[in-house]
Amino acid sequence: MKKLSQVAKVISIGGALVFGSLSANAASISFSYDAANDGSGLTSQYIDPLTGGLPGYFIESFDQATGDPMFPGSTAYNDAGFDQECAVNSVNGGPAGVLVTPPSSDVGVRQGSVSGVAAAPANDTTCFAYLTNNGSGSASFTFDYSQLLAANADTGITYLGFYWGSVDRYNDFNFYSGGNLVSSITGSGLLSALGGSAGNQTGPGSNVYVNIDFSFAEQFDRLVINTTGIAGEFDNIVVGLSQRPVLVSSPASNALLLLGLAAIGLRLRRKK
């Protein structure tokens, strides 16, 4: 993987982003990334969709070509015409799949942008997923990592990375452990921290790879993404188990945004 860029300054996130009753355990966020070798734009420094990476990290690439041959994944959420390219649950190197539980009408997997439907994250030419409310109400997409954790005799996930396209203000990420909400992130704070323009489909401040390191008290087993708009696009979701090896980076090359509560998030607007 080729290292492209990293945020090189510490940004302080203020108390305005704290959500009422959540615990105050510390989490940290950074925006370091590597160029993905499969043409999907950005990926985690810990694992590449095509070539793999460190043990204890697993990636959802939404591509059949980079999936585990022993667990090819589901094509149930693919947009028409993409069943040969795309799949959900393509966990690279994982012995078990990740369960997803949205209605197929709320989630799509495809390549390329379609006006009014979904926009591929910047420079992502591979399959990506999008969450949509179809113009009314809300929609939800759940990733349940219980099988993955059980297969690896682990207790939780303490790292999450994901490539988020055209960040806007319609989505939130919620992290659960055993049915209990342990943290949430919403998105206007992310745009403020990076100086991004909401809904911009190409700008580096709104097409970002987000890395979140959770404390052991905040480790989770289920990720729930919600939206009230069209659409929320994402790719290269990487999870790191709590027993994973951790790379030590200098503060200058891997800036951490220390949060009293992991309370930034991402919202996506309708793509014009």
Protein backbone atom coordinates (compact mmCIF):
# COMPACT_ATOMS: atom_id res chain seq x y z
CA MET A 1 0.00 0.00 0.00
CA LYS A 2 1.16 3.51 -0.76
CA LYS A 3 0.74 6.05 2.00
CA LEU A 4 -0.93 9.13 0.52
CA SER A 5 -1.57 11.63 3.25
CA GLN A 6 -2.26 12.03 6.91
CA VAL A 7 -3.76 14.76 9.03
CA ALA A 8 -0.77 16.25 10.81
CA LYS A 9 -2.33 18.40 13.48
CA VAL A 10 -4.34 17.69 16.58
CA ILE A 11 -7.87 19.07 16.49
CA SER A 12 -9.82 19.47 19.70
CA ILE A 13 -13.48 18.49 19.55
CA GLY A 14 -15.59 20.52 21.96
CA GLY A 15 -18.35 19.57 24.35
CA ALA A 16 -21.07 20.57 21.88
CA LEU A 17 -20.71 17.18 20.27
CA VAL A 18 -21.32 15.17 23.42
CA PHE A 19 -24.51 13.10 23.46
CA GLY A 20 -26.28 13.26 26.82
CA SER A 21 -26.19 9.95 28.66
CA LEU A 22 -23.32 8.10 27.01
CA SER A 23 -20.31 7.19 29.10
CA ALA A 24 -17.25 9.41 29.04
CA ASN A 25 -14.70 6.76 28.16
CA ALA A 26 -12.06 8.11 25.82
CA ALA A 27 -11.87 7.27 22.14
CA SER A 28 -9.56 8.70 19.53
CA ILE A 29 -10.02 9.47 15.88
CA SER A 30 -7.54 10.04 13.08
CA PHE A 31 -7.75 10.45 9.32
CA SER A 32 -4.64 8.61 8.14
CA TYR A 33 -5.07 6.35 5.12
CA ASP A 34 -3.36 4.30 2.46
CA ALA A 35 -4.16 4.07 -1.23
CA ALA A 36 -6.03 0.82 -1.86
CA ASN A 37 -4.42 -1.51 -4.39
CA ASP A 38 -7.75 -2.53 -5.94
CA GLY A 39 -8.81 0.93 -7.11
CA SER A 40 -11.26 1.54 -4.26
CA GLY A 41 -9.69 4.84 -3.25
CA LEU A 42 -8.73 4.83 0.42
CA THR A 43 -8.24 2.05 2.94
CA SER A 44 -6.89 1.51 6.43
CA GLN A 45 -3.14 1.51 7.05
CA TYR A 46 -3.64 -1.91 8.65
CA ILE A 47 -5.15 -3.85 5.74
CA ASP A 48 -5.58 -3.59 1.97
CA PRO A 49 -8.56 -5.10 0.10
CA LEU A 50 -6.33 -6.84 -2.44
CA THR A 51 -3.16 -7.78 -0.57
CA GLY A 52 -4.39 -8.20 3.01
CA GLY A 53 -2.53 -6.95 6.05
CA LEU A 54 -1.97 -7.49 9.75
CA PRO A 55 -3.66 -10.38 11.59
CA GLY A 56 -6.62 -9.44 13.71
CA TYR A 57 -7.96 -6.97 11.13
CA PHE A 58 -10.83 -7.82 8.78
CA ILE A 59 -12.16 -5.84 5.84
CA GLU A 60 -15.53 -5.54 4.14
CA SER A 61 -14.76 -4.44 0.59
CA PHE A 62 -18.16 -5.20 -1.04
CA ASP A 63 -16.24 -6.87 -3.90
CA GLN A 64 -16.41 -10.55 -4.80
CA ALA A 65 -12.84 -10.47 -6.09
CA THR A 66 -11.37 -9.54 -2.71
CA GLY A 67 -13.65 -11.71 -0.59
CA ASP A 68 -12.76 -14.88 1.28
CA PRO A 69 -13.26 -17.81 -1.16
CA MET A 70 -14.58 -19.90 1.74
CA PHE A 71 -17.22 -17.26 2.45
CA PRO A 72 -18.25 -15.60 -0.82
CA GLY A 73 -20.87 -13.36 0.73
CA SER A 74 -24.36 -12.33 -0.31
CA THR A 75 -25.50 -10.69 -3.54
CA ALA A 76 -28.96 -9.96 -2.09
CA TYR A 77 -28.27 -6.23 -1.80
CA ASN A 78 -26.62 -5.72 -5.18
CA ASP A 79 -28.13 -3.28 -7.63
CA ALA A 80 -29.24 -4.87 -10.90
CA GLY A 81 -26.34 -5.78 -13.15
CA PHE A 82 -23.65 -6.10 -10.48
CA ASP A 83 -23.98 -9.72 -9.32
CA GLN A 84 -20.70 -10.71 -10.93
CA GLU A 85 -18.71 -7.96 -9.26
CA CYS A 86 -20.20 -7.12 -5.88
CA ALA A 87 -21.13 -8.90 -2.64
CA VAL A 88 -21.73 -8.11 1.03
CA ASN A 89 -19.77 -9.98 3.74
CA SER A 90 -16.53 -10.36 1.80
CA VAL A 91 -14.42 -10.40 4.96
CA ASN A 92 -10.83 -10.71 3.80
CA GLY A 93 -9.14 -13.69 5.49
CA GLY A 94 -11.98 -14.16 7.97
CA PRO A 95 -13.18 -17.64 8.97
CA ALA A 96 -16.75 -16.42 9.47
CA GLY A 97 -19.02 -13.85 7.93
CA VAL A 98 -20.51 -10.65 9.20
CA LEU A 99 -24.29 -10.59 9.46
CA VAL A 100 -26.16 -7.67 7.94
CA THR A 101 -29.81 -7.06 8.66
CA PRO A 102 -31.33 -4.23 6.63
CA PRO A 103 -34.27 -4.53 4.24
CA SER A 104 -32.88 -4.74 0.73
CA SER A 105 -34.86 -1.61 -0.17
CA ASP A 106 -32.74 0.44 2.25
CA VAL A 107 -29.30 -0.70 1.09
CA GLY A 108 -27.64 -1.06 -2.28
CA VAL A 109 -24.24 -2.28 -3.47
CA ARG A 110 -22.95 -1.15 -6.85
CA GLN A 111 -20.15 0.40 -8.86
CA GLY A 112 -20.29 3.96 -10.17
CA SER A 113 -22.52 6.94 -9.47
CA VAL A 114 -26.17 7.41 -10.40
CA SER A 115 -27.76 10.84 -10.02
CA GLY A 116 -30.38 10.89 -7.28
CA VAL A 117 -29.40 7.41 -6.10
CA ALA A 118 -25.78 7.19 -4.92
CA ALA A 119 -22.36 8.69 -5.59
CA ALA A 120 -19.21 6.58 -5.46
CA PRO A 121 -16.68 7.82 -2.90
CA ALA A 122 -13.99 9.90 -4.57
CA ASN A 123 -11.66 7.83 -6.80
CA ASP A 124 -13.48 4.60 -5.91
CA THR A 125 -14.01 2.53 -9.06
CA THR A 126 -14.92 -0.69 -7.27
CA CYS A 127 -18.10 -1.82 -5.51
CA PHE A 128 -19.33 0.27 -2.59
CA ALA A 129 -22.41 0.22 -0.38
CA TYR A 130 -24.98 2.93 0.15
CA LEU A 131 -27.81 3.41 2.61
CA THR A 132 -30.93 5.27 1.50
CA ASN A 133 -34.28 6.31 2.93
CA ASN A 134 -35.75 6.35 -0.60
CA GLY A 135 -36.83 9.94 -0.12
CA SER A 136 -38.91 9.50 3.02
CA GLY A 137 -38.47 8.58 6.67
CA SER A 138 -35.36 6.77 7.89
CA ALA A 139 -33.35 3.67 7.10
CA SER A 140 -30.87 1.54 9.02
CA PHE A 141 -27.99 -0.83 8.17
CA THR A 142 -26.65 -3.20 10.85
CA PHE A 143 -23.31 -5.02 10.82
CA ASP A 144 -23.35 -7.78 13.44
CA TYR A 145 -19.82 -9.02 14.17
CA SER A 146 -20.82 -11.69 16.72
CA GLN A 147 -19.90 -14.61 14.44
CA LEU A 148 -16.56 -13.09 13.58
CA LEU A 149 -15.75 -12.51 17.24
CA ALA A 150 -16.85 -16.00 18.29
CA ALA A 151 -14.75 -17.60 15.57
CA ASN A 152 -11.70 -15.69 16.78
CA ALA A 153 -12.30 -16.27 20.51
CA ASP A 154 -12.29 -12.53 21.05
CA THR A 155 -14.42 -10.28 23.21
CA GLY A 156 -14.92 -7.17 21.14
CA ILE A 157 -13.74 -4.71 18.52
CA THR A 158 -11.58 -1.76 19.50
CA TYR A 159 -10.80 -0.36 16.04
CA LEU A 160 -13.07 0.69 13.20
CA GLY A 161 -12.01 2.27 9.93
CA PHE A 162 -14.16 3.17 6.94
CA TYR A 163 -14.03 5.19 3.74
CA TRP A 164 -16.89 7.67 3.73
CA GLY A 165 -17.97 9.44 0.56
CA SER A 166 -19.47 12.94 0.22
CA VAL A 167 -20.00 13.44 3.94
CA ASP A 168 -23.12 15.36 4.87
CA ARG A 169 -25.53 15.66 7.78
CA TYR A 170 -28.05 12.85 7.50
CA ASN A 171 -26.30 9.84 9.04
CA ASP A 172 -25.14 8.59 12.40
CA PHE A 173 -23.00 5.66 13.47
CA ASN A 174 -23.99 3.79 16.63
CA PHE A 175 -21.84 1.17 18.37
CA TYR A 176 -23.41 -1.51 20.54
CA SER A 177 -22.08 -4.18 22.85
CA GLY A 178 -24.50 -6.91 23.86
CA GLY A 179 -27.42 -4.70 22.92
CA ASN A 180 -26.14 -1.71 24.92
CA LEU A 181 -25.19 1.51 23.17
CA VAL A 182 -21.56 2.30 24.00
CA SER A 183 -20.83 5.19 21.65
CA SER A 184 -22.24 7.19 18.78
CA ILE A 185 -20.69 9.42 16.14
CA THR A 186 -22.50 12.04 14.12
CA GLY A 187 -21.20 14.07 11.33
CA SER A 188 -21.34 17.80 11.44
CA GLY A 189 -18.41 17.62 13.83
CA LEU A 190 -16.34 15.72 11.27
CA LEU A 191 -16.99 18.34 8.61
CA SER A 192 -16.14 21.10 11.08
CA ALA A 193 -12.93 19.39 12.12
CA LEU A 194 -11.73 18.94 8.55
CA GLY A 195 -13.21 22.08 7.04
CA GLY A 196 -15.18 19.92 4.62
CA SER A 197 -18.02 21.00 2.37
CA ALA A 198 -21.19 18.99 3.01
CA GLY A 199 -22.10 16.66 0.17
CA ASN A 200 -19.00 17.42 -1.92
CA GLN A 201 -18.38 14.30 -4.01
CA THR A 202 -14.69 14.94 -4.72
CA GLY A 203 -13.25 17.18 -1.99
CA PRO A 204 -10.73 15.70 0.49
CA GLY A 205 -12.55 17.27 3.44
CA SER A 206 -15.73 15.33 2.69
CA ASN A 207 -14.33 12.09 1.23
CA VAL A 208 -12.25 10.78 4.10
CA TYR A 209 -10.95 7.61 5.66
CA VAL A 210 -11.98 7.65 9.31
CA ASN A 211 -10.11 5.64 11.96
CA ILE A 212 -11.60 5.25 15.44
CA ASP A 213 -9.73 3.57 18.30
CA PHE A 214 -12.03 2.59 21.14
CA SER A 215 -11.06 1.99 24.72
CA PHE A 216 -11.56 -1.54 26.09
CA ALA A 217 -14.60 -0.23 27.96
CA GLU A 218 -16.11 0.86 24.65
CA GLN A 219 -15.34 -2.20 22.55
CA PHE A 220 -18.36 -3.23 20.51
CA ASP A 221 -19.87 -6.13 18.56
CA ARG A 222 -22.47 -4.39 16.40
CA LEU A 223 -22.41 -1.32 14.18
CA VAL A 224 -25.68 0.37 13.21
CA ILE A 225 -25.68 3.09 10.54
CA ASN A 226 -28.78 5.26 10.19
CA THR A 227 -29.88 7.77 7.55
CA THR A 228 -32.75 10.14 6.93
CA GLY A 229 -31.67 11.08 3.41
CA ILE A 230 -30.31 9.92 0.05
CA ALA A 231 -27.71 8.59 0.40
CA GLY A 232 -24.90 7.43 2.69
CA GLU A 233 -22.00 5.84 0.77
CA PHE A 234 -19.14 3.87 2.31
CA ASP A 235 -16.48 1.30 1.45
CA ASN A 236 -13.55 -0.61 2.95
CA ILE A 237 -14.94 -1.06 6.47
CA VAL A 238 -12.10 -2.43 8.60
CA VAL A 239 -12.50 -3.83 12.11
CA GLY A 240 -9.70 -4.66 14.52
CA LEU A 241 -10.20 -7.17 17.30
CA SER A 242 -9.28 -6.22 20.83
CA GLN A 243 -6.32 -8.65 20.73
CA ARG A 244 -4.98 -7.24 17.46
CA PRO A 245 -1.39 -6.00 17.15
CA VAL A 246 -1.21 -2.21 17.19
CA LEU A 247 1.21 -0.19 15.09
CA VAL A 248 2.90 2.64 16.95
CA SER A 249 2.98 5.86 14.94
CA SER A 250 4.44 9.24 15.77
CA PRO A 251 1.98 11.99 16.67
CA ALA A 252 3.02 13.96 13.61
CA SER A 253 2.14 11.17 11.21
CA ASN A 254 -0.99 9.89 12.90
CA ALA A 255 -2.80 12.79 14.54
CA LEU A 256 -5.30 11.69 17.17
CA LEU A 257 -8.34 13.72 17.91
CA LEU A 258 -8.98 12.95 21.57
CA LEU A 259 -12.67 12.82 22.42
CA GLY A 260 -14.23 12.74 25.86
CA LEU A 261 -16.97 10.87 24.00
CA ALA A 262 -16.86 9.41 20.52
CA ALA A 263 -19.54 11.77 19.28
CA ILE A 264 -18.72 12.78 15.76
CA GLY A 265 -20.65 11.34 12.90
CA LEU A 266 -21.47 11.50 9.30
CA ARG A 267 -24.53 12.70 7.46
CA LEU A 268 -25.13 12.40 3.75
CA ARG A 269 -27.39 14.59 1.67
CA ARG A 270 -29.29 13.77 -1.50
CA LYS A 271 -26.90 13.55 -4.41
CA LYS A 272 -27.82 15.99 -7.15
